[in-house]
Amino acid sequence: MCLINFNIGSHDKYKMIIAANRDEFYARPTASLHYWDDHKNILGGRDLKAHGTWLAVSKSGKIGALTNIRTPEEMTAEAKKSRGELVVNYLLSEDNPQDYLTALTAHSSDYAGFNLLAGTPDELYYMNNYDNNISRVADGTHGLSNEFLDTPWPKVVIGKDQLDKVISEDDINIDALFALLRIDTKAADDIVQQTGVDFELEKKLSPLFIDIPDFDYGTRCSTVVLVDRQNNITLIERTFKNGVETGEISETIAVSK
């Protein structure tokens, strides 16, 4: 993922609400949201090149998502292990999220820069492999793009603000969640995030929803995750190509308490 805005504990009906965009090269082979044939416990989209994922859940109720950290050094680093396996390994493990992340710190340098969220319907933990600190995410609204949790990039600030507006209603308007993920307004020059890449590219990467035809790159899918008070986890995914919606898939897992 390249943007994950989420809320924990603020809504009467849903204990966790996630609205996320995955940005990737259009040519990279990808499977949409589905139960995996080789790991039937996992529900999520899948990168068919490295066989990992950016966001997925398990039938047992585990929830995992990640973003890359973007710097010139990370973009040109020698090949390391696929970061997408970090979510898969968590979903397949017997560990609780805190133990999984603690064990990961011993070999987190095997991967290029990442932010990782790992949790259950009742808790979510965060770490990155720059400082290897593990923290339980506090209740409230948060945002994560390609730096660290709650770094106030324009897309993160806008996403959090819009998410707060959506969840202020008694029920959740799904289309409103997807609408916030389709905001494609570029940030003003004086507030564009600065990661060390070319400024014009930074500008093109600044909206919540991205389409960069000359780079063959953009938002490939938007995913909404809703965890209700009965521990039903609903995933809704809308896919895109060159900024045009190509499909929608929805699945729900009922997790035993």
C-alpha atoms as a PDB file:
ATOM      1  CA  MET A   1       0.000   0.000   0.000  1.00  0.00           C
ATOM      2  CA  CYS A   2       1.001   3.582  -0.409  1.00  0.00           C
ATOM      3  CA  LEU A   3      -1.710   5.109   1.745  1.00  0.00           C
ATOM      4  CA  ILE A   4      -3.529   3.656   4.736  1.00  0.00           C
ATOM      5  CA  ASN A   5      -5.934   5.891   6.641  1.00  0.00           C
ATOM      6  CA  PHE A   6      -7.672   4.113   9.491  1.00  0.00           C
ATOM      7  CA  ASN A   7      -9.657   4.585  12.667  1.00  0.00           C
ATOM      8  CA  ILE A   8      -9.759   2.481  15.799  1.00  0.00           C
ATOM      9  CA  GLY A   9     -12.418   2.648  18.468  1.00  0.00           C
ATOM     10  CA  SER A  10     -14.342   5.794  17.523  1.00  0.00           C
ATOM     11  CA  HIS A  11     -17.439   4.404  15.816  1.00  0.00           C
ATOM     12  CA  ASP A  12     -20.385   2.766  17.558  1.00  0.00           C
ATOM     13  CA  LYS A  13     -20.864   0.087  14.881  1.00  0.00           C
ATOM     14  CA  TYR A  14     -17.291  -0.536  13.689  1.00  0.00           C
ATOM     15  CA  LYS A  15     -14.334  -1.016  16.007  1.00  0.00           C
ATOM     16  CA  MET A  16     -11.878  -0.644  13.103  1.00  0.00           C
ATOM     17  CA  ILE A  17     -12.234   1.145   9.751  1.00  0.00           C
ATOM     18  CA  ILE A  18      -9.509   1.135   7.091  1.00  0.00           C
ATOM     19  CA  ALA A  19      -9.447   3.011   3.777  1.00  0.00           C
ATOM     20  CA  ALA A  20      -6.301   2.257   1.777  1.00  0.00           C
ATOM     21  CA  ASN A  21      -4.775   2.670  -1.676  1.00  0.00           C
ATOM     22  CA  ARG A  22      -2.166   0.453  -3.278  1.00  0.00           C
ATOM     23  CA  ASP A  23       0.041   2.259  -5.821  1.00  0.00           C
ATOM     24  CA  GLU A  24       2.136   0.144  -8.175  1.00  0.00           C
ATOM     25  CA  PHE A  25       3.387  -0.148 -11.738  1.00  0.00           C
ATOM     26  CA  TYR A  26       0.505  -1.153 -14.001  1.00  0.00           C
ATOM     27  CA  ALA A  27       2.583  -3.907 -15.576  1.00  0.00           C
ATOM     28  CA  ARG A  28       3.257  -5.733 -12.296  1.00  0.00           C
ATOM     29  CA  PRO A  29       1.097  -8.899 -12.281  1.00  0.00           C
ATOM     30  CA  THR A  30      -1.529  -8.790  -9.553  1.00  0.00           C
ATOM     31  CA  ALA A  31      -4.518 -10.829  -8.413  1.00  0.00           C
ATOM     32  CA  SER A  32      -7.548  -9.072  -6.979  1.00  0.00           C
ATOM     33  CA  LEU A  33      -9.112  -9.796  -3.591  1.00  0.00           C
ATOM     34  CA  HIS A  34      -9.698 -13.546  -3.161  1.00  0.00           C
ATOM     35  CA  TYR A  35      -9.125 -16.546  -0.894  1.00  0.00           C
ATOM     36  CA  TRP A  36      -5.739 -17.919  -1.833  1.00  0.00           C
ATOM     37  CA  ASP A  37      -5.532 -21.418  -3.305  1.00  0.00           C
ATOM     38  CA  ASP A  38      -2.289 -22.277  -1.490  1.00  0.00           C
ATOM     39  CA  HIS A  39      -3.260 -20.614   1.801  1.00  0.00           C
ATOM     40  CA  LYS A  40      -7.024 -20.903   2.032  1.00  0.00           C
ATOM     41  CA  ASN A  41      -7.003 -19.122   5.385  1.00  0.00           C
ATOM     42  CA  ILE A  42      -5.912 -15.840   3.735  1.00  0.00           C
ATOM     43  CA  LEU A  43      -8.210 -13.295   2.092  1.00  0.00           C
ATOM     44  CA  GLY A  44      -6.609 -10.438   0.189  1.00  0.00           C
ATOM     45  CA  GLY A  45      -5.147  -9.261  -3.070  1.00  0.00           C
ATOM     46  CA  ARG A  46      -1.842 -10.755  -4.151  1.00  0.00           C
ATOM     47  CA  ASP A  47       1.310  -9.695  -5.921  1.00  0.00           C
ATOM     48  CA  LEU A  48       1.868 -12.441  -8.482  1.00  0.00           C
ATOM     49  CA  LYS A  49       5.530 -11.578  -9.004  1.00  0.00           C
ATOM     50  CA  ALA A  50       6.785 -12.077  -5.432  1.00  0.00           C
ATOM     51  CA  HIS A  51       3.611 -13.792  -4.116  1.00  0.00           C
ATOM     52  CA  GLY A  52       3.198 -11.462  -1.151  1.00  0.00           C
ATOM     53  CA  THR A  53       0.476  -8.958  -0.349  1.00  0.00           C
ATOM     54  CA  TRP A  54       0.010  -5.349   0.717  1.00  0.00           C
ATOM     55  CA  LEU A  55      -3.139  -5.923   2.804  1.00  0.00           C
ATOM     56  CA  ALA A  56      -4.888  -9.119   3.827  1.00  0.00           C
ATOM     57  CA  VAL A  57      -6.743 -10.828   6.664  1.00  0.00           C
ATOM     58  CA  SER A  58      -7.021 -14.389   7.905  1.00  0.00           C
ATOM     59  CA  LYS A  59     -10.094 -16.411   8.795  1.00  0.00           C
ATOM     60  CA  SER A  60      -8.835 -16.390  12.381  1.00  0.00           C
ATOM     61  CA  GLY A  61      -9.083 -12.597  12.438  1.00  0.00           C
ATOM     62  CA  LYS A  62      -5.510 -11.468  11.882  1.00  0.00           C
ATOM     63  CA  ILE A  63      -5.130  -8.220   9.945  1.00  0.00           C
ATOM     64  CA  GLY A  64      -1.932  -7.113   8.211  1.00  0.00           C
ATOM     65  CA  ALA A  65      -0.953  -4.231   5.941  1.00  0.00           C
ATOM     66  CA  LEU A  66       2.227  -2.487   4.875  1.00  0.00           C
ATOM     67  CA  THR A  67       3.661   0.439   2.978  1.00  0.00           C
ATOM     68  CA  ASN A  68       7.121   0.993   1.553  1.00  0.00           C
ATOM     69  CA  ILE A  69       9.383   3.764   2.807  1.00  0.00           C
ATOM     70  CA  ARG A  70      10.374   6.000  -0.104  1.00  0.00           C
ATOM     71  CA  THR A  71      13.847   7.508  -0.355  1.00  0.00           C
ATOM     72  CA  PRO A  72      16.286   7.580  -3.291  1.00  0.00           C
ATOM     73  CA  GLU A  73      18.382   5.022  -1.422  1.00  0.00           C
ATOM     74  CA  GLU A  74      15.411   2.685  -0.982  1.00  0.00           C
ATOM     75  CA  MET A  75      14.383   3.056  -4.624  1.00  0.00           C
ATOM     76  CA  THR A  76      17.865   2.089  -5.851  1.00  0.00           C
ATOM     77  CA  ALA A  77      18.751  -0.461  -3.162  1.00  0.00           C
ATOM     78  CA  GLU A  78      20.007  -3.890  -4.134  1.00  0.00           C
ATOM     79  CA  ALA A  79      17.349  -6.571  -4.219  1.00  0.00           C
ATOM     80  CA  LYS A  80      16.300  -7.797  -0.790  1.00  0.00           C
ATOM     81  CA  LYS A  81      13.505 -10.061   0.393  1.00  0.00           C
ATOM     82  CA  SER A  82      10.036  -9.092  -0.762  1.00  0.00           C
ATOM     83  CA  ARG A  83       8.310  -6.884   1.785  1.00  0.00           C
ATOM     84  CA  GLY A  84       4.982  -8.420   0.809  1.00  0.00           C
ATOM     85  CA  GLU A  85       5.929 -11.628   2.599  1.00  0.00           C
ATOM     86  CA  LEU A  86       5.874  -9.791   5.927  1.00  0.00           C
ATOM     87  CA  VAL A  87       2.073  -9.680   5.933  1.00  0.00           C
ATOM     88  CA  VAL A  88       1.809 -13.263   4.713  1.00  0.00           C
ATOM     89  CA  ASN A  89       4.193 -14.557   7.370  1.00  0.00           C
ATOM     90  CA  TYR A  90       2.198 -12.826  10.085  1.00  0.00           C
ATOM     91  CA  LEU A  91      -1.108 -14.228   8.872  1.00  0.00           C
ATOM     92  CA  LEU A  92       0.338 -17.743   8.723  1.00  0.00           C
ATOM     93  CA  SER A  93       2.086 -17.564  12.077  1.00  0.00           C
ATOM     94  CA  GLU A  94       0.757 -18.687  15.449  1.00  0.00           C
ATOM     95  CA  ASP A  95       2.155 -15.535  17.078  1.00  0.00           C
ATOM     96  CA  ASN A  96       0.152 -12.638  18.411  1.00  0.00           C
ATOM     97  CA  PRO A  97       0.993  -9.360  16.649  1.00  0.00           C
ATOM     98  CA  GLN A  98       3.369  -8.045  19.295  1.00  0.00           C
ATOM     99  CA  ASP A  99       5.379 -11.272  19.427  1.00  0.00           C
ATOM    100  CA  TYR A 100       5.528 -11.493  15.641  1.00  0.00           C
ATOM    101  CA  LEU A 101       6.875  -7.954  15.319  1.00  0.00           C
ATOM    102  CA  THR A 102       9.350  -8.505  18.164  1.00  0.00           C
ATOM    103  CA  ALA A 103      10.782 -11.545  16.395  1.00  0.00           C
ATOM    104  CA  LEU A 104      10.894  -9.599  13.119  1.00  0.00           C
ATOM    105  CA  THR A 105      13.187  -6.922  14.565  1.00  0.00           C
ATOM    106  CA  ALA A 106      16.062  -9.433  14.570  1.00  0.00           C
ATOM    107  CA  HIS A 107      16.051  -9.649  10.772  1.00  0.00           C
ATOM    108  CA  SER A 108      14.118  -6.583   9.605  1.00  0.00           C
ATOM    109  CA  SER A 109      17.205  -5.337   7.729  1.00  0.00           C
ATOM    110  CA  ASP A 110      16.721  -8.221   5.291  1.00  0.00           C
ATOM    111  CA  TYR A 111      14.020  -6.035   3.719  1.00  0.00           C
ATOM    112  CA  ALA A 112      14.023  -2.631   2.085  1.00  0.00           C
ATOM    113  CA  GLY A 113      12.353   0.107   4.124  1.00  0.00           C
ATOM    114  CA  PHE A 114       8.857  -0.756   5.317  1.00  0.00           C
ATOM    115  CA  ASN A 115       6.031   0.200   7.648  1.00  0.00           C
ATOM    116  CA  LEU A 116       4.046  -2.752   8.965  1.00  0.00           C
ATOM    117  CA  LEU A 117       0.671  -2.909  10.702  1.00  0.00           C
ATOM    118  CA  ALA A 118      -0.226  -6.203  12.347  1.00  0.00           C
ATOM    119  CA  GLY A 119      -3.248  -6.830  14.490  1.00  0.00           C
ATOM    120  CA  THR A 120      -6.586  -8.397  15.272  1.00  0.00           C
ATOM    121  CA  PRO A 121     -10.115  -6.971  15.494  1.00  0.00           C
ATOM    122  CA  ASP A 122      -9.233  -5.649  18.967  1.00  0.00           C
ATOM    123  CA  GLU A 123      -5.707  -4.262  18.594  1.00  0.00           C
ATOM    124  CA  LEU A 124      -3.263  -3.017  16.008  1.00  0.00           C
ATOM    125  CA  TYR A 125       0.517  -2.742  16.322  1.00  0.00           C
ATOM    126  CA  TYR A 126       2.977  -0.750  14.217  1.00  0.00           C
ATOM    127  CA  MET A 127       6.673  -0.941  13.433  1.00  0.00           C
ATOM    128  CA  ASN A 128       9.101   0.209  10.767  1.00  0.00           C
ATOM    129  CA  ASN A 129      12.569  -1.138  10.102  1.00  0.00           C
ATOM    130  CA  TYR A 130      14.293   2.212  10.506  1.00  0.00           C
ATOM    131  CA  ASP A 131      13.965   2.374  14.293  1.00  0.00           C
ATOM    132  CA  ASN A 132      12.511  -1.133  14.963  1.00  0.00           C
ATOM    133  CA  ASN A 133      10.290   0.284  17.694  1.00  0.00           C
ATOM    134  CA  ILE A 134       6.996  -1.543  18.252  1.00  0.00           C
ATOM    135  CA  SER A 135       3.949   0.328  19.483  1.00  0.00           C
ATOM    136  CA  ARG A 136       0.299  -0.442  19.992  1.00  0.00           C
ATOM    137  CA  VAL A 137      -1.667   2.041  17.896  1.00  0.00           C
ATOM    138  CA  ALA A 138      -3.822   4.291  20.058  1.00  0.00           C
ATOM    139  CA  ASP A 139      -7.547   4.675  19.478  1.00  0.00           C
ATOM    140  CA  GLY A 140      -8.432   7.412  17.013  1.00  0.00           C
ATOM    141  CA  THR A 141      -7.725   8.235  13.376  1.00  0.00           C
ATOM    142  CA  HIS A 142      -4.298   7.608  11.860  1.00  0.00           C
ATOM    143  CA  GLY A 143      -2.564   7.808   8.510  1.00  0.00           C
ATOM    144  CA  LEU A 144       0.371   6.005   6.959  1.00  0.00           C
ATOM    145  CA  SER A 145       2.005   6.653   3.609  1.00  0.00           C
ATOM    146  CA  ASN A 146       5.633   6.221   2.562  1.00  0.00           C
ATOM    147  CA  GLU A 147       7.339   7.699   5.599  1.00  0.00           C
ATOM    148  CA  PHE A 148       6.215   6.856   9.144  1.00  0.00           C
ATOM    149  CA  LEU A 149       2.915   6.527  11.008  1.00  0.00           C
ATOM    150  CA  ASP A 150       1.095   9.872  11.146  1.00  0.00           C
ATOM    151  CA  THR A 151       3.819  11.792   9.311  1.00  0.00           C
ATOM    152  CA  PRO A 152       1.738  14.792   8.133  1.00  0.00           C
ATOM    153  CA  TRP A 153       2.110  14.461   4.390  1.00  0.00           C
ATOM    154  CA  PRO A 154      -0.690  16.296   2.544  1.00  0.00           C
ATOM    155  CA  LYS A 155      -2.380  13.058   1.432  1.00  0.00           C
ATOM    156  CA  VAL A 156      -2.261  11.700   4.990  1.00  0.00           C
ATOM    157  CA  VAL A 157      -3.710  14.883   6.493  1.00  0.00           C
ATOM    158  CA  ILE A 158      -6.497  15.036   3.904  1.00  0.00           C
ATOM    159  CA  GLY A 159      -7.259  11.348   4.258  1.00  0.00           C
ATOM    160  CA  LYS A 160      -7.512  11.542   8.037  1.00  0.00           C
ATOM    161  CA  ASP A 161      -9.717  14.629   7.876  1.00  0.00           C
ATOM    162  CA  GLN A 162     -12.054  13.074   5.307  1.00  0.00           C
ATOM    163  CA  LEU A 163     -12.171   9.792   7.207  1.00  0.00           C
ATOM    164  CA  ASP A 164     -13.219  11.629  10.366  1.00  0.00           C
ATOM    165  CA  LYS A 165     -16.074  13.210   8.423  1.00  0.00           C
ATOM    166  CA  VAL A 166     -17.282   9.857   7.091  1.00  0.00           C
ATOM    167  CA  ILE A 167     -17.199   8.123  10.464  1.00  0.00           C
ATOM    168  CA  SER A 168     -19.072  10.964  12.158  1.00  0.00           C
ATOM    169  CA  GLU A 169     -22.260   9.405  10.754  1.00  0.00           C
ATOM    170  CA  ASP A 170     -24.098   6.653  12.636  1.00  0.00           C
ATOM    171  CA  ASP A 171     -23.645   4.301   9.703  1.00  0.00           C
ATOM    172  CA  ILE A 172     -20.764   4.195   7.261  1.00  0.00           C
ATOM    173  CA  ASN A 173     -21.268   5.323   3.669  1.00  0.00           C
ATOM    174  CA  ILE A 174     -19.044   2.933   1.728  1.00  0.00           C
ATOM    175  CA  ASP A 175     -19.072   5.122  -1.372  1.00  0.00           C
ATOM    176  CA  ALA A 176     -17.888   8.056   0.738  1.00  0.00           C
ATOM    177  CA  LEU A 177     -14.889   6.010   1.885  1.00  0.00           C
ATOM    178  CA  PHE A 178     -14.026   5.179  -1.695  1.00  0.00           C
ATOM    179  CA  ALA A 179     -14.604   8.793  -2.714  1.00  0.00           C
ATOM    180  CA  LEU A 180     -11.957   9.988  -0.280  1.00  0.00           C
ATOM    181  CA  LEU A 181      -9.551   7.448  -1.773  1.00  0.00           C
ATOM    182  CA  ARG A 182     -10.252   8.908  -5.251  1.00  0.00           C
ATOM    183  CA  ILE A 183      -9.136  12.440  -4.337  1.00  0.00           C
ATOM    184  CA  ASP A 184      -6.574  13.251  -7.021  1.00  0.00           C
ATOM    185  CA  THR A 185      -5.745  16.892  -6.238  1.00  0.00           C
ATOM    186  CA  LYS A 186      -1.993  17.470  -6.125  1.00  0.00           C
ATOM    187  CA  ALA A 187      -0.504  19.178  -3.096  1.00  0.00           C
ATOM    188  CA  ALA A 188       0.548  22.828  -3.320  1.00  0.00           C
ATOM    189  CA  ASP A 189       4.224  23.288  -4.106  1.00  0.00           C
ATOM    190  CA  ASP A 190       5.095  24.579  -0.648  1.00  0.00           C
ATOM    191  CA  ILE A 191       3.667  21.554   1.181  1.00  0.00           C
ATOM    192  CA  VAL A 192       4.595  18.690  -1.169  1.00  0.00           C
ATOM    193  CA  GLN A 193       6.262  15.862   0.768  1.00  0.00           C
ATOM    194  CA  GLN A 194      10.033  15.728   0.357  1.00  0.00           C
ATOM    195  CA  THR A 195      11.605  12.293   0.117  1.00  0.00           C
ATOM    196  CA  GLY A 196      14.599  13.213  -2.012  1.00  0.00           C
ATOM    197  CA  VAL A 197      13.217  12.204  -5.393  1.00  0.00           C
ATOM    198  CA  ASP A 198      12.686  14.675  -8.247  1.00  0.00           C
ATOM    199  CA  PHE A 199      10.240  17.432  -7.283  1.00  0.00           C
ATOM    200  CA  GLU A 200       7.977  16.912 -10.301  1.00  0.00           C
ATOM    201  CA  LEU A 201       7.671  13.248  -9.395  1.00  0.00           C
ATOM    202  CA  GLU A 202       7.001  14.170  -5.761  1.00  0.00           C
ATOM    203  CA  LYS A 203       4.188  16.416  -6.970  1.00  0.00           C
ATOM    204  CA  LYS A 204       2.646  13.653  -9.063  1.00  0.00           C
ATOM    205  CA  LEU A 205       2.847  11.304  -6.076  1.00  0.00           C
ATOM    206  CA  SER A 206       1.224  13.774  -3.672  1.00  0.00           C
ATOM    207  CA  PRO A 207      -2.515  13.016  -4.247  1.00  0.00           C
ATOM    208  CA  LEU A 208      -4.376  10.253  -2.460  1.00  0.00           C
ATOM    209  CA  PHE A 209      -5.240   8.734  -5.869  1.00  0.00           C
ATOM    210  CA  ILE A 210      -2.435   8.572  -8.396  1.00  0.00           C
ATOM    211  CA  ASP A 211      -2.267   8.104 -12.153  1.00  0.00           C
ATOM    212  CA  ILE A 212       1.072   8.775 -13.867  1.00  0.00           C
ATOM    213  CA  PRO A 213       0.697   7.475 -17.460  1.00  0.00           C
ATOM    214  CA  ASP A 214       4.214   8.435 -18.568  1.00  0.00           C
ATOM    215  CA  PHE A 215       5.573   6.387 -15.646  1.00  0.00           C
ATOM    216  CA  ASP A 216       3.120   3.493 -16.188  1.00  0.00           C
ATOM    217  CA  TYR A 217       2.305   3.839 -12.504  1.00  0.00           C
ATOM    218  CA  GLY A 218      -0.678   4.631 -10.348  1.00  0.00           C
ATOM    219  CA  THR A 219      -3.292   3.504  -7.866  1.00  0.00           C
ATOM    220  CA  ARG A 220      -4.048  -0.124  -8.712  1.00  0.00           C
ATOM    221  CA  CYS A 221      -6.698  -0.732  -6.070  1.00  0.00           C
ATOM    222  CA  SER A 222      -8.587   0.858  -3.200  1.00  0.00           C
ATOM    223  CA  THR A 223      -9.571  -1.290  -0.240  1.00  0.00           C
ATOM    224  CA  VAL A 224     -12.042  -0.654   2.555  1.00  0.00           C
ATOM    225  CA  VAL A 225     -11.922  -2.855   5.662  1.00  0.00           C
ATOM    226  CA  LEU A 226     -14.736  -2.738   8.221  1.00  0.00           C
ATOM    227  CA  VAL A 227     -14.542  -4.642  11.516  1.00  0.00           C
ATOM    228  CA  ASP A 228     -17.863  -4.558  13.353  1.00  0.00           C
ATOM    229  CA  ARG A 229     -18.583  -5.106  17.049  1.00  0.00           C
ATOM    230  CA  GLN A 230     -19.440  -8.767  16.365  1.00  0.00           C
ATOM    231  CA  ASN A 231     -15.973  -9.291  14.799  1.00  0.00           C
ATOM    232  CA  ASN A 232     -17.223  -9.600  11.237  1.00  0.00           C
ATOM    233  CA  ILE A 233     -14.453  -8.368   8.937  1.00  0.00           C
ATOM    234  CA  THR A 234     -15.639  -7.059   5.571  1.00  0.00           C
ATOM    235  CA  LEU A 235     -13.181  -6.292   2.765  1.00  0.00           C
ATOM    236  CA  ILE A 236     -14.293  -4.358  -0.300  1.00  0.00           C
ATOM    237  CA  GLU A 237     -11.808  -3.826  -3.116  1.00  0.00           C
ATOM    238  CA  ARG A 238     -12.148  -1.646  -6.198  1.00  0.00           C
ATOM    239  CA  THR A 239      -9.502  -2.070  -8.883  1.00  0.00           C
ATOM    240  CA  PHE A 240      -8.205   0.491 -11.388  1.00  0.00           C
ATOM    241  CA  LYS A 241      -6.124   0.774 -14.537  1.00  0.00           C
ATOM    242  CA  ASN A 242      -4.952   4.160 -15.771  1.00  0.00           C
ATOM    243  CA  GLY A 243      -7.335   5.852 -13.373  1.00  0.00           C
ATOM    244  CA  VAL A 244     -10.399   3.938 -14.598  1.00  0.00           C
ATOM    245  CA  GLU A 245     -12.290   1.578 -12.295  1.00  0.00           C
ATOM    246  CA  THR A 246     -12.231  -2.012 -13.565  1.00  0.00           C
ATOM    247  CA  GLY A 247     -14.109  -3.975 -10.903  1.00  0.00           C
ATOM    248  CA  GLU A 248     -15.311  -4.438  -7.328  1.00  0.00           C
ATOM    249  CA  ILE A 249     -15.144  -7.458  -5.026  1.00  0.00           C
ATOM    250  CA  SER A 250     -16.512  -7.839  -1.491  1.00  0.00           C
ATOM    251  CA  GLU A 251     -16.022 -10.617   1.076  1.00  0.00           C
ATOM    252  CA  THR A 252     -16.860 -10.979   4.769  1.00  0.00           C
ATOM    253  CA  ILE A 253     -15.216 -13.170   7.402  1.00  0.00           C
ATOM    254  CA  ALA A 254     -17.036 -13.973  10.642  1.00  0.00           C
ATOM    255  CA  VAL A 255     -14.381 -14.326  13.324  1.00  0.00           C
ATOM    256  CA  SER A 256     -15.193 -16.312  16.452  1.00  0.00           C
ATOM    257  CA  LYS A 257     -14.716 -14.332  19.659  1.00  0.00           C
END
